[in-house]
PDB file of all heavy atoms in Angstrom:
ATOM      1  N   LEU A   1     123.207  10.397-136.181  1.00  0.00           N
ATOM      2  CA  LEU A   1     123.202   9.329-135.181  1.00  0.00           C
ATOM      3  C   LEU A   1     124.365   8.361-135.341  1.00  0.00           C
ATOM      4  O   LEU A   1     124.944   7.919-134.346  1.00  0.00           O
ATOM      5  CB  LEU A   1     121.874   8.557-135.226  1.00  0.00           C
ATOM      6  CG  LEU A   1     120.654   9.310-134.706  1.00  0.00           C
ATOM      7  CD1 LEU A   1     119.393   8.495-134.948  1.00  0.00           C
ATOM      8  CD2 LEU A   1     120.810   9.653-133.239  1.00  0.00           C
ATOM      9  N   VAL A   2     124.730   8.031-136.563  1.00  0.00           N
ATOM     10  CA  VAL A   2     125.817   7.055-136.751  1.00  0.00           C
ATOM     11  C   VAL A   2     127.160   7.602-136.299  1.00  0.00           C
ATOM     12  O   VAL A   2     128.076   6.826-136.023  1.00  0.00           O
ATOM     13  CB  VAL A   2     125.912   6.536-138.206  1.00  0.00           C
ATOM     14  CG1 VAL A   2     124.647   5.809-138.604  1.00  0.00           C
ATOM     15  CG2 VAL A   2     126.251   7.638-139.187  1.00  0.00           C
ATOM     16  N   ARG A   3     127.261   8.915-136.179  1.00  0.00           N
ATOM     17  CA  ARG A   3     128.527   9.522-135.733  1.00  0.00           C
ATOM     18  C   ARG A   3     128.595   9.695-134.219  1.00  0.00           C
ATOM     19  O   ARG A   3     129.648  10.021-133.678  1.00  0.00           O
ATOM     20  CB  ARG A   3     128.702  10.874-136.403  1.00  0.00           C
ATOM     21  CG  ARG A   3     128.920  10.759-137.897  1.00  0.00           C
ATOM     22  CD  ARG A   3     129.292  12.095-138.495  1.00  0.00           C
ATOM     23  NE  ARG A   3     129.522  11.950-139.915  1.00  0.00           N
ATOM     24  CZ  ARG A   3     128.865  12.606-140.846  1.00  0.00           C
ATOM     25  NH1 ARG A   3     127.934  13.476-140.520  1.00  0.00           N
ATOM     26  NH2 ARG A   3     129.133  12.411-142.111  1.00  0.00           N
ATOM     27  N   LEU A   4     127.464   9.516-133.536  1.00  0.00           N
ATOM     28  CA  LEU A   4     127.427   9.717-132.089  1.00  0.00           C
ATOM     29  C   LEU A   4     127.859   8.465-131.340  1.00  0.00           C
ATOM     30  O   LEU A   4     127.620   7.349-131.793  1.00  0.00           O
ATOM     31  CB  LEU A   4     126.008  10.071-131.640  1.00  0.00           C
ATOM     32  CG  LEU A   4     125.451  11.425-132.054  1.00  0.00           C
ATOM     33  CD1 LEU A   4     124.002  11.555-131.588  1.00  0.00           C
ATOM     34  CD2 LEU A   4     126.286  12.554-131.499  1.00  0.00           C
ATOM     35  N   PRO A   5     128.460   8.649-130.168  1.00  0.00           N
ATOM     36  CA  PRO A   5     128.745   7.501-129.309  1.00  0.00           C
ATOM     37  C   PRO A   5     127.428   6.867-128.856  1.00  0.00           C
ATOM     38  O   PRO A   5     126.384   7.536-128.790  1.00  0.00           O
ATOM     39  CB  PRO A   5     129.497   8.094-128.117  1.00  0.00           C
ATOM     40  CG  PRO A   5     129.769   9.518-128.439  1.00  0.00           C
ATOM     41  CD  PRO A   5     128.935   9.910-129.598  1.00  0.00           C
ATOM     42  N   THR A   6     127.473   5.607-128.514  1.00  0.00           N
ATOM     43  CA  THR A   6     126.272   4.853-128.141  1.00  0.00           C
ATOM     44  C   THR A   6     125.494   5.515-127.015  1.00  0.00           C
ATOM     45  O   THR A   6     124.266   5.584-127.066  1.00  0.00           O
ATOM     46  CB  THR A   6     126.657   3.415-127.743  1.00  0.00           C
ATOM     47  OG1 THR A   6     127.357   2.817-128.831  1.00  0.00           O
ATOM     48  CG2 THR A   6     125.438   2.591-127.409  1.00  0.00           C
ATOM     49  N   ASP A   7     126.192   6.027-126.001  1.00  0.00           N
ATOM     50  CA  ASP A   7     125.466   6.645-124.883  1.00  0.00           C
ATOM     51  C   ASP A   7     124.678   7.867-125.325  1.00  0.00           C
ATOM     52  O   ASP A   7     123.578   8.116-124.845  1.00  0.00           O
ATOM     53  CB  ASP A   7     126.405   6.978-123.728  1.00  0.00           C
ATOM     54  CG  ASP A   7     127.516   7.939-124.095  1.00  0.00           C
ATOM     55  OD1 ASP A   7     127.895   8.010-125.285  1.00  0.00           O
ATOM     56  OD2 ASP A   7     128.037   8.614-123.193  1.00  0.00           O
ATOM     57  N   ARG A   8     125.203   8.626-126.272  1.00  0.00           N
ATOM     58  CA  ARG A   8     124.477   9.794-126.784  1.00  0.00           C
ATOM     59  C   ARG A   8     123.294   9.360-127.649  1.00  0.00           C
ATOM     60  O   ARG A   8     122.243   9.984-127.631  1.00  0.00           O
ATOM     61  CB  ARG A   8     125.402  10.699-127.596  1.00  0.00           C
ATOM     62  CG  ARG A   8     126.567  11.255-126.823  1.00  0.00           C
ATOM     63  CD  ARG A   8     126.555  12.708-126.445  1.00  0.00           C
ATOM     64  NE  ARG A   8     125.879  13.662-127.229  1.00  0.00           N
ATOM     65  CZ  ARG A   8     126.442  14.522-128.074  1.00  0.00           C
ATOM     66  NH1 ARG A   8     127.739  14.495-128.276  1.00  0.00           N
ATOM     67  NH2 ARG A   8     125.720  15.406-128.712  1.00  0.00           N
ATOM     68  N   VAL A   9     123.460   8.266-128.393  1.00  0.00           N
ATOM     69  CA  VAL A   9     122.354   7.739-129.198  1.00  0.00           C
ATOM     70  C   VAL A   9     121.211   7.332-128.281  1.00  0.00           C
ATOM     71  O   VAL A   9     120.035   7.569-128.586  1.00  0.00           O
ATOM     72  CB  VAL A   9     122.804   6.558-130.082  1.00  0.00           C
ATOM     73  CG1 VAL A   9     121.610   5.885-130.748  1.00  0.00           C
ATOM     74  CG2 VAL A   9     123.809   7.017-131.129  1.00  0.00           C
ATOM     75  N   MET A  10     121.550   6.752-127.129  1.00  0.00           N
ATOM     76  CA  MET A  10     120.516   6.351-126.172  1.00  0.00           C
ATOM     77  C   MET A  10     119.766   7.566-125.640  1.00  0.00           C
ATOM     78  O   MET A  10     118.545   7.533-125.486  1.00  0.00           O
ATOM     79  CB  MET A  10     121.137   5.555-125.018  1.00  0.00           C
ATOM     80  CG  MET A  10     121.787   4.252-125.456  1.00  0.00           C
ATOM     81  SD  MET A  10     120.684   3.151-126.347  1.00  0.00           S
ATOM     82  CE  MET A  10     119.571   2.710-125.046  1.00  0.00           C
ATOM     83  N   VAL A  11     120.468   8.657-125.394  1.00  0.00           N
ATOM     84  CA  VAL A  11     119.822   9.877-124.914  1.00  0.00           C
ATOM     85  C   VAL A  11     118.891  10.438-126.000  1.00  0.00           C
ATOM     86  O   VAL A  11     117.753  10.819-125.723  1.00  0.00           O
ATOM     87  CB  VAL A  11     120.863  10.939-124.491  1.00  0.00           C
ATOM     88  CG1 VAL A  11     120.214  12.278-124.218  1.00  0.00           C
ATOM     89  CG2 VAL A  11     121.640  10.459-123.285  1.00  0.00           C
ATOM     90  N   VAL A  12     119.370  10.472-127.218  1.00  0.00           N
ATOM     91  CA  VAL A  12     118.547  10.960-128.327  1.00  0.00           C
ATOM     92  C   VAL A  12     117.323  10.067-128.502  1.00  0.00           C
ATOM     93  O   VAL A  12     116.202  10.561-128.706  1.00  0.00           O
ATOM     94  CB  VAL A  12     119.370  11.032-129.635  1.00  0.00           C
ATOM     95  CG1 VAL A  12     118.475  11.320-130.835  1.00  0.00           C
ATOM     96  CG2 VAL A  12     120.464  12.079-129.522  1.00  0.00           C
ATOM     97  N   SER A  13     117.517   8.776-128.387  1.00  0.00           N
ATOM     98  CA  SER A  13     116.394   7.831-128.509  1.00  0.00           C
ATOM     99  C   SER A  13     115.355   8.084-127.426  1.00  0.00           C
ATOM    100  O   SER A  13     114.146   8.070-127.693  1.00  0.00           O
ATOM    101  CB  SER A  13     116.895   6.387-128.417  1.00  0.00           C
ATOM    102  OG  SER A  13     117.756   6.097-129.472  1.00  0.00           O
ATOM    103  N   GLU A  14     115.805   8.316-126.212  1.00  0.00           N
ATOM    104  CA  GLU A  14     114.885   8.600-125.109  1.00  0.00           C
ATOM    105  C   GLU A  14     114.144   9.913-125.361  1.00  0.00           C
ATOM    106  O   GLU A  14     112.946  10.021-125.104  1.00  0.00           O
ATOM    107  CB  GLU A  14     115.638   8.658-123.780  1.00  0.00           C
ATOM    108  CG  GLU A  14     114.776   8.990-122.595  1.00  0.00           C
ATOM    109  CD  GLU A  14     113.708   7.957-122.280  1.00  0.00           C
ATOM    110  OE1 GLU A  14     113.867   6.784-122.669  1.00  0.00           O
ATOM    111  OE2 GLU A  14     112.705   8.328-121.646  1.00  0.00           O
ATOM    112  N   PHE A  15     114.857  10.909-125.874  1.00  0.00           N
ATOM    113  CA  PHE A  15     114.240  12.196-126.180  1.00  0.00           C
ATOM    114  C   PHE A  15     113.142  12.028-127.233  1.00  0.00           C
ATOM    115  O   PHE A  15     112.037  12.564-127.097  1.00  0.00           O
ATOM    116  CB  PHE A  15     115.309  13.180-126.671  1.00  0.00           C
ATOM    117  CG  PHE A  15     114.773  14.541-126.986  1.00  0.00           C
ATOM    118  CD1 PHE A  15     114.497  15.440-125.977  1.00  0.00           C
ATOM    119  CD2 PHE A  15     114.549  14.919-128.296  1.00  0.00           C
ATOM    120  CE1 PHE A  15     114.008  16.705-126.262  1.00  0.00           C
ATOM    121  CE2 PHE A  15     114.056  16.177-128.588  1.00  0.00           C
ATOM    122  CZ  PHE A  15     113.785  17.069-127.568  1.00  0.00           C
ATOM    123  N   ILE A  16     113.432  11.255-128.269  1.00  0.00           N
ATOM    124  CA  ILE A  16     112.448  11.007-129.326  1.00  0.00           C
ATOM    125  C   ILE A  16     111.255  10.244-128.758  1.00  0.00           C
ATOM    126  O   ILE A  16     110.099  10.579-129.048  1.00  0.00           O
ATOM    127  CB  ILE A  16     113.089  10.248-130.507  1.00  0.00           C
ATOM    128  CG1 ILE A  16     114.096  11.160-131.226  1.00  0.00           C
ATOM    129  CG2 ILE A  16     112.021   9.735-131.469  1.00  0.00           C
ATOM    130  CD1 ILE A  16     114.977  10.439-132.231  1.00  0.00           C
ATOM    131  N   ALA A  17     111.517   9.246-127.934  1.00  0.00           N
ATOM    132  CA  ALA A  17     110.435   8.463-127.337  1.00  0.00           C
ATOM    133  C   ALA A  17     109.549   9.349-126.464  1.00  0.00           C
ATOM    134  O   ALA A  17     108.311   9.255-126.522  1.00  0.00           O
ATOM    135  CB  ALA A  17     111.008   7.300-126.525  1.00  0.00           C
ATOM    136  N   GLN A  18     110.159  10.202-125.653  1.00  0.00           N
ATOM    137  CA  GLN A  18     109.385  11.108-124.803  1.00  0.00           C
ATOM    138  C   GLN A  18     108.573  12.084-125.653  1.00  0.00           C
ATOM    139  O   GLN A  18     107.412  12.377-125.345  1.00  0.00           O
ATOM    140  CB  GLN A  18     110.301  11.884-123.859  1.00  0.00           C
ATOM    141  CG  GLN A  18     110.930  11.045-122.777  1.00  0.00           C
ATOM    142  CD  GLN A  18     109.915  10.608-121.749  1.00  0.00           C
ATOM    143  OE1 GLN A  18     109.042  11.368-121.358  1.00  0.00           O
ATOM    144  NE2 GLN A  18     110.017   9.370-121.319  1.00  0.00           N
ATOM    145  N   SER A  19     109.170  12.596-126.717  1.00  0.00           N
ATOM    146  CA  SER A  19     108.464  13.527-127.601  1.00  0.00           C
ATOM    147  C   SER A  19     107.249  12.858-128.234  1.00  0.00           C
ATOM    148  O   SER A  19     106.174  13.456-128.323  1.00  0.00           O
ATOM    149  CB  SER A  19     109.397  14.031-128.711  1.00  0.00           C
ATOM    150  OG  SER A  19     110.459  14.748-128.156  1.00  0.00           O
ATOM    151  N   ALA A  20     107.414  11.625-128.658  1.00  0.00           N
ATOM    152  CA  ALA A  20     106.303  10.896-129.280  1.00  0.00           C
ATOM    153  C   ALA A  20     105.245  10.526-128.251  1.00  0.00           C
ATOM    154  O   ALA A  20     104.046  10.604-128.525  1.00  0.00           O
ATOM    155  CB  ALA A  20     106.824   9.638-129.972  1.00  0.00           C
ATOM    156  N   LYS A  21     105.671  10.139-127.064  1.00  0.00           N
ATOM    157  CA  LYS A  21     104.740   9.701-126.027  1.00  0.00           C
ATOM    158  C   LYS A  21     103.824  10.839-125.589  1.00  0.00           C
ATOM    159  O   LYS A  21     102.614  10.659-125.444  1.00  0.00           O
ATOM    160  CB  LYS A  21     105.511   9.162-124.825  1.00  0.00           C
ATOM    161  CG  LYS A  21     104.638   8.687-123.677  1.00  0.00           C
ATOM    162  CD  LYS A  21     105.480   8.136-122.544  1.00  0.00           C
ATOM    163  CE  LYS A  21     104.624   7.677-121.380  1.00  0.00           C
ATOM    164  NZ  LYS A  21     105.449   7.192-120.267  1.00  0.00           N
ATOM    165  N   PHE A  22     104.376  12.011-125.370  1.00  0.00           N
ATOM    166  CA  PHE A  22     103.592  13.114-124.849  1.00  0.00           C
ATOM    167  C   PHE A  22     103.026  14.000-125.949  1.00  0.00           C
ATOM    168  O   PHE A  22     102.098  14.755-125.714  1.00  0.00           O
ATOM    169  CB  PHE A  22     104.409  13.932-123.844  1.00  0.00           C
ATOM    170  CG  PHE A  22     104.754  13.114-122.633  1.00  0.00           C
ATOM    171  CD1 PHE A  22     106.036  12.646-122.436  1.00  0.00           C
ATOM    172  CD2 PHE A  22     103.774  12.783-121.712  1.00  0.00           C
ATOM    173  CE1 PHE A  22     106.346  11.878-121.326  1.00  0.00           C
ATOM    174  CE2 PHE A  22     104.069  12.005-120.605  1.00  0.00           C
ATOM    175  CZ  PHE A  22     105.364  11.560-120.411  1.00  0.00           C
ATOM    176  N   ASP A  23     103.586  13.930-127.138  1.00  0.00           N
ATOM    177  CA  ASP A  23     103.069  14.611-128.324  1.00  0.00           C
ATOM    178  C   ASP A  23     102.552  16.015-128.014  1.00  0.00           C
ATOM    179  O   ASP A  23     101.386  16.334-128.236  1.00  0.00           O
ATOM    180  CB  ASP A  23     101.968  13.770-128.985  1.00  0.00           C
ATOM    181  CG  ASP A  23     101.648  14.286-130.386  1.00  0.00           C
ATOM    182  OD1 ASP A  23     102.529  14.904-131.010  1.00  0.00           O
ATOM    183  OD2 ASP A  23     100.512  14.090-130.842  1.00  0.00           O
ATOM    184  N   ASP A  24     103.425  16.847-127.466  1.00  0.00           N
ATOM    185  CA  ASP A  24     103.071  18.226-127.162  1.00  0.00           C
ATOM    186  C   ASP A  24     104.062  19.143-127.873  1.00  0.00           C
ATOM    187  O   ASP A  24     105.119  19.485-127.334  1.00  0.00           O
ATOM    188  CB  ASP A  24     103.104  18.463-125.648  1.00  0.00           C
ATOM    189  CG  ASP A  24     102.525  19.804-125.264  1.00  0.00           C
ATOM    190  OD1 ASP A  24     102.387  20.685-126.140  1.00  0.00           O
ATOM    191  OD2 ASP A  24     102.208  19.972-124.078  1.00  0.00           O
ATOM    192  N   PRO A  25     103.738  19.532-129.109  1.00  0.00           N
ATOM    193  CA  PRO A  25     104.671  20.343-129.908  1.00  0.00           C
ATOM    194  C   PRO A  25     105.091  21.635-129.218  1.00  0.00           C
ATOM    195  O   PRO A  25     106.221  22.080-129.376  1.00  0.00           O
ATOM    196  CB  PRO A  25     103.895  20.641-131.186  1.00  0.00           C
ATOM    197  CG  PRO A  25     102.810  19.640-131.244  1.00  0.00           C
ATOM    198  CD  PRO A  25     102.505  19.252-129.820  1.00  0.00           C
ATOM    199  N   GLU A  26     104.193  22.227-128.427  1.00  0.00           N
ATOM    200  CA  GLU A  26     104.526  23.484-127.755  1.00  0.00           C
ATOM    201  C   GLU A  26     105.668  23.291-126.765  1.00  0.00           C
ATOM    202  O   GLU A  26     106.578  24.116-126.680  1.00  0.00           O
ATOM    203  CB  GLU A  26     103.290  24.034-127.049  1.00  0.00           C
ATOM    204  CG  GLU A  26     103.508  25.442-126.528  1.00  0.00           C
ATOM    205  CD  GLU A  26     102.223  26.022-125.960  1.00  0.00           C
ATOM    206  OE1 GLU A  26     101.211  26.009-126.668  1.00  0.00           O
ATOM    207  OE2 GLU A  26     102.269  26.477-124.805  1.00  0.00           O
ATOM    208  N   VAL A  27     105.641  22.192-126.023  1.00  0.00           N
ATOM    209  CA  VAL A  27     106.710  21.911-125.064  1.00  0.00           C
ATOM    210  C   VAL A  27     108.024  21.699-125.806  1.00  0.00           C
ATOM    211  O   VAL A  27     109.066  22.230-125.420  1.00  0.00           O
ATOM    212  CB  VAL A  27     106.362  20.682-124.189  1.00  0.00           C
ATOM    213  CG1 VAL A  27     107.560  20.230-123.379  1.00  0.00           C
ATOM    214  CG2 VAL A  27     105.194  20.992-123.288  1.00  0.00           C
ATOM    215  N   LEU A  28     107.982  20.945-126.881  1.00  0.00           N
ATOM    216  CA  LEU A  28     109.194  20.680-127.657  1.00  0.00           C
ATOM    217  C   LEU A  28     109.745  21.965-128.263  1.00  0.00           C
ATOM    218  O   LEU A  28     110.949  22.222-128.204  1.00  0.00           O
ATOM    219  CB  LEU A  28     108.902  19.644-128.742  1.00  0.00           C
ATOM    220  CG  LEU A  28     110.085  19.139-129.537  1.00  0.00           C
ATOM    221  CD1 LEU A  28     111.141  18.543-128.608  1.00  0.00           C
ATOM    222  CD2 LEU A  28     109.635  18.122-130.556  1.00  0.00           C
ATOM    223  N   GLU A  29     108.868  22.793-128.815  1.00  0.00           N
ATOM    224  CA  GLU A  29     109.314  24.064-129.403  1.00  0.00           C
ATOM    225  C   GLU A  29     109.921  24.971-128.341  1.00  0.00           C
ATOM    226  O   GLU A  29     110.926  25.637-128.591  1.00  0.00           O
ATOM    227  CB  GLU A  29     108.141  24.754-130.092  1.00  0.00           C
ATOM    228  CG  GLU A  29     107.703  24.065-131.369  1.00  0.00           C
ATOM    229  CD  GLU A  29     106.391  24.605-131.914  1.00  0.00           C
ATOM    230  OE1 GLU A  29     105.900  25.642-131.416  1.00  0.00           O
ATOM    231  OE2 GLU A  29     105.858  23.982-132.846  1.00  0.00           O
ATOM    232  N   THR A  30     109.316  24.993-127.156  1.00  0.00           N
ATOM    233  CA  THR A  30     109.841  25.807-126.057  1.00  0.00           C
ATOM    234  C   THR A  30     111.219  25.312-125.644  1.00  0.00           C
ATOM    235  O   THR A  30     112.149  26.099-125.451  1.00  0.00           O
ATOM    236  CB  THR A  30     108.874  25.779-124.856  1.00  0.00           C
ATOM    237  OG1 THR A  30     107.618  26.287-125.273  1.00  0.00           O
ATOM    238  CG2 THR A  30     109.404  26.613-123.701  1.00  0.00           C
ATOM    239  N   PHE A  31     111.363  23.982-125.539  1.00  0.00           N
ATOM    240  CA  PHE A  31     112.647  23.406-125.170  1.00  0.00           C
ATOM    241  C   PHE A  31     113.724  23.790-126.188  1.00  0.00           C
ATOM    242  O   PHE A  31     114.808  24.239-125.816  1.00  0.00           O
ATOM    243  CB  PHE A  31     112.540  21.881-125.067  1.00  0.00           C
ATOM    244  CG  PHE A  31     113.866  21.213-124.883  1.00  0.00           C
ATOM    245  CD1 PHE A  31     114.482  21.189-123.638  1.00  0.00           C
ATOM    246  CD2 PHE A  31     114.514  20.610-125.949  1.00  0.00           C
ATOM    247  CE1 PHE A  31     115.705  20.592-123.461  1.00  0.00           C
ATOM    248  CE2 PHE A  31     115.745  20.003-125.786  1.00  0.00           C
ATOM    249  CZ  PHE A  31     116.336  19.993-124.539  1.00  0.00           C
ATOM    250  N   VAL A  32     113.412  23.639-127.459  1.00  0.00           N
ATOM    251  CA  VAL A  32     114.394  23.957-128.503  1.00  0.00           C
ATOM    252  C   VAL A  32     114.742  25.441-128.472  1.00  0.00           C
ATOM    253  O   VAL A  32     115.913  25.808-128.583  1.00  0.00           O
ATOM    254  CB  VAL A  32     113.877  23.522-129.897  1.00  0.00           C
ATOM    255  CG1 VAL A  32     114.773  24.040-131.003  1.00  0.00           C
ATOM    256  CG2 VAL A  32     113.765  22.000-129.967  1.00  0.00           C
ATOM    257  N   ALA A  33     113.748  26.294-128.287  1.00  0.00           N
ATOM    258  CA  ALA A  33     114.011  27.736-128.228  1.00  0.00           C
ATOM    259  C   ALA A  33     114.919  28.075-127.051  1.00  0.00           C
ATOM    260  O   ALA A  33     115.866  28.854-127.189  1.00  0.00           O
ATOM    261  CB  ALA A  33     112.692  28.502-128.128  1.00  0.00           C
ATOM    262  N   PHE A  34     114.638  27.469-125.891  1.00  0.00           N
ATOM    263  CA  PHE A  34     115.468  27.739-124.720  1.00  0.00           C
ATOM    264  C   PHE A  34     116.877  27.208-124.883  1.00  0.00           C
ATOM    265  O   PHE A  34     117.818  27.744-124.315  1.00  0.00           O
ATOM    266  CB  PHE A  34     114.833  27.164-123.451  1.00  0.00           C
ATOM    267  CG  PHE A  34     113.817  28.070-122.829  1.00  0.00           C
ATOM    268  CD1 PHE A  34     112.519  27.641-122.679  1.00  0.00           C
ATOM    269  CD2 PHE A  34     114.159  29.329-122.402  1.00  0.00           C
ATOM    270  CE1 PHE A  34     111.571  28.476-122.097  1.00  0.00           C
ATOM    271  CE2 PHE A  34     113.224  30.174-121.820  1.00  0.00           C
ATOM    272  CZ  PHE A  34     111.922  29.738-121.674  1.00  0.00           C
ATOM    273  N   ARG A  35     117.045  26.126-125.637  1.00  0.00           N
ATOM    274  CA  ARG A  35     118.390  25.576-125.836  1.00  0.00           C
ATOM    275  C   ARG A  35     119.276  26.538-126.621  1.00  0.00           C
ATOM    276  O   ARG A  35     120.493  26.414-126.619  1.00  0.00           O
ATOM    277  CB  ARG A  35     118.323  24.225-126.563  1.00  0.00           C
ATOM    278  CG  ARG A  35     117.863  23.094-125.690  1.00  0.00           C
ATOM    279  CD  ARG A  35     118.794  22.831-124.513  1.00  0.00           C
ATOM    280  NE  ARG A  35     120.051  22.300-124.961  1.00  0.00           N
ATOM    281  CZ  ARG A  35     121.224  22.575-124.405  1.00  0.00           C
ATOM    282  NH1 ARG A  35     121.299  23.352-123.372  1.00  0.00           N
ATOM    283  NH2 ARG A  35     122.317  22.047-124.883  1.00  0.00           N
ATOM    284  N   HIS A  36     118.676  27.512-127.286  1.00  0.00           N
ATOM    285  CA  HIS A  36     119.462  28.515-128.003  1.00  0.00           C
ATOM    286  C   HIS A  36     119.872  29.666-127.093  1.00  0.00           C
ATOM    287  O   HIS A  36     120.583  30.563-127.521  1.00  0.00           O
ATOM    288  CB  HIS A  36     118.681  29.043-129.214  1.00  0.00           C
ATOM    289  CG  HIS A  36     118.499  28.013-130.286  1.00  0.00           C
ATOM    290  ND1 HIS A  36     119.533  27.562-131.063  1.00  0.00           N
ATOM    291  CD2 HIS A  36     117.407  27.330-130.673  1.00  0.00           C
ATOM    292  CE1 HIS A  36     119.085  26.650-131.893  1.00  0.00           C
ATOM    293  NE2 HIS A  36     117.794  26.484-131.682  1.00  0.00           N
ATOM    294  N   ASP A  37     119.423  29.620-125.848  1.00  0.00           N
ATOM    295  CA  ASP A  37     119.756  30.659-124.874  1.00  0.00           C
ATOM    296  C   ASP A  37     121.036  30.232-124.150  1.00  0.00           C
ATOM    297  O   ASP A  37     121.046  29.220-123.455  1.00  0.00           O
ATOM    298  CB  ASP A  37     118.602  30.810-123.874  1.00  0.00           C
ATOM    299  CG  ASP A  37     118.817  31.954-122.894  1.00  0.00           C
ATOM    300  OD1 ASP A  37     119.986  32.320-122.624  1.00  0.00           O
ATOM    301  OD2 ASP A  37     117.812  32.465-122.379  1.00  0.00           O
ATOM    302  N   PRO A  38     122.122  30.975-124.310  1.00  0.00           N
ATOM    303  CA  PRO A  38     123.385  30.569-123.685  1.00  0.00           C
ATOM    304  C   PRO A  38     123.311  30.502-122.154  1.00  0.00           C
ATOM    305  O   PRO A  38     124.045  29.754-121.529  1.00  0.00           O
ATOM    306  CB  PRO A  38     124.394  31.624-124.143  1.00  0.00           C
ATOM    307  CG  PRO A  38     123.601  32.749-124.685  1.00  0.00           C
ATOM    308  CD  PRO A  38     122.255  32.217-125.063  1.00  0.00           C
ATOM    309  N   ARG A  39     122.404  31.266-121.558  1.00  0.00           N
ATOM    310  CA  ARG A  39     122.263  31.205-120.098  1.00  0.00           C
ATOM    311  C   ARG A  39     121.752  29.839-119.665  1.00  0.00           C
ATOM    312  O   ARG A  39     122.220  29.288-118.665  1.00  0.00           O
ATOM    313  CB  ARG A  39     121.308  32.295-119.598  1.00  0.00           C
ATOM    314  CG  ARG A  39     121.833  33.704-119.848  1.00  0.00           C
ATOM    315  CD  ARG A  39     120.795  34.728-119.561  1.00  0.00           C
ATOM    316  NE  ARG A  39     119.666  34.487-120.476  1.00  0.00           N
ATOM    317  CZ  ARG A  39     118.523  35.150-120.422  1.00  0.00           C
ATOM    318  NH1 ARG A  39     118.331  36.075-119.517  1.00  0.00           N
ATOM    319  NH2 ARG A  39     117.555  34.893-121.280  1.00  0.00           N
ATOM    320  N   LEU A  40     120.812  29.281-120.422  1.00  0.00           N
ATOM    321  CA  LEU A  40     120.292  27.960-120.086  1.00  0.00           C
ATOM    322  C   LEU A  40     121.373  26.904-120.295  1.00  0.00           C
ATOM    323  O   LEU A  40     121.507  25.974-119.495  1.00  0.00           O
ATOM    324  CB  LEU A  40     119.057  27.619-120.917  1.00  0.00           C
ATOM    325  CG  LEU A  40     118.425  26.275-120.586  1.00  0.00           C
ATOM    326  CD1 LEU A  40     117.976  26.220-119.129  1.00  0.00           C
ATOM    327  CD2 LEU A  40     117.265  25.981-121.502  1.00  0.00           C
ATOM    328  N   ASP A  41     122.144  27.063-121.346  1.00  0.00           N
ATOM    329  CA  ASP A  41     123.243  26.136-121.599  1.00  0.00           C
ATOM    330  C   ASP A  41     124.211  26.135-120.419  1.00  0.00           C
ATOM    331  O   ASP A  41     124.628  25.076-119.940  1.00  0.00           O
ATOM    332  CB  ASP A  41     123.963  26.528-122.895  1.00  0.00           C
ATOM    333  CG  ASP A  41     124.926  25.453-123.351  1.00  0.00           C
ATOM    334  OD1 ASP A  41     124.519  24.271-123.381  1.00  0.00           O
ATOM    335  OD2 ASP A  41     126.074  25.800-123.671  1.00  0.00           O
ATOM    336  N   THR A  42     124.529  27.309-119.918  1.00  0.00           N
ATOM    337  CA  THR A  42     125.408  27.423-118.754  1.00  0.00           C
ATOM    338  C   THR A  42     124.773  26.782-117.527  1.00  0.00           C
ATOM    339  O   THR A  42     125.426  26.025-116.799  1.00  0.00           O
ATOM    340  CB  THR A  42     125.733  28.902-118.467  1.00  0.00           C
ATOM    341  OG1 THR A  42     126.392  29.455-119.611  1.00  0.00           O
ATOM    342  CG2 THR A  42     126.618  29.054-117.243  1.00  0.00           C
TER     343      THR A  42
END
């Protein structure tokens, strides 16, 4: 986090807040798995 620009820190903070608010590990695991798919990245 200390190496990221402020705008990226804000995005990460929002992601963490959303993850904590909805507390659905399956959704988070699915998101992370899909992020490893280059087609989704594209």
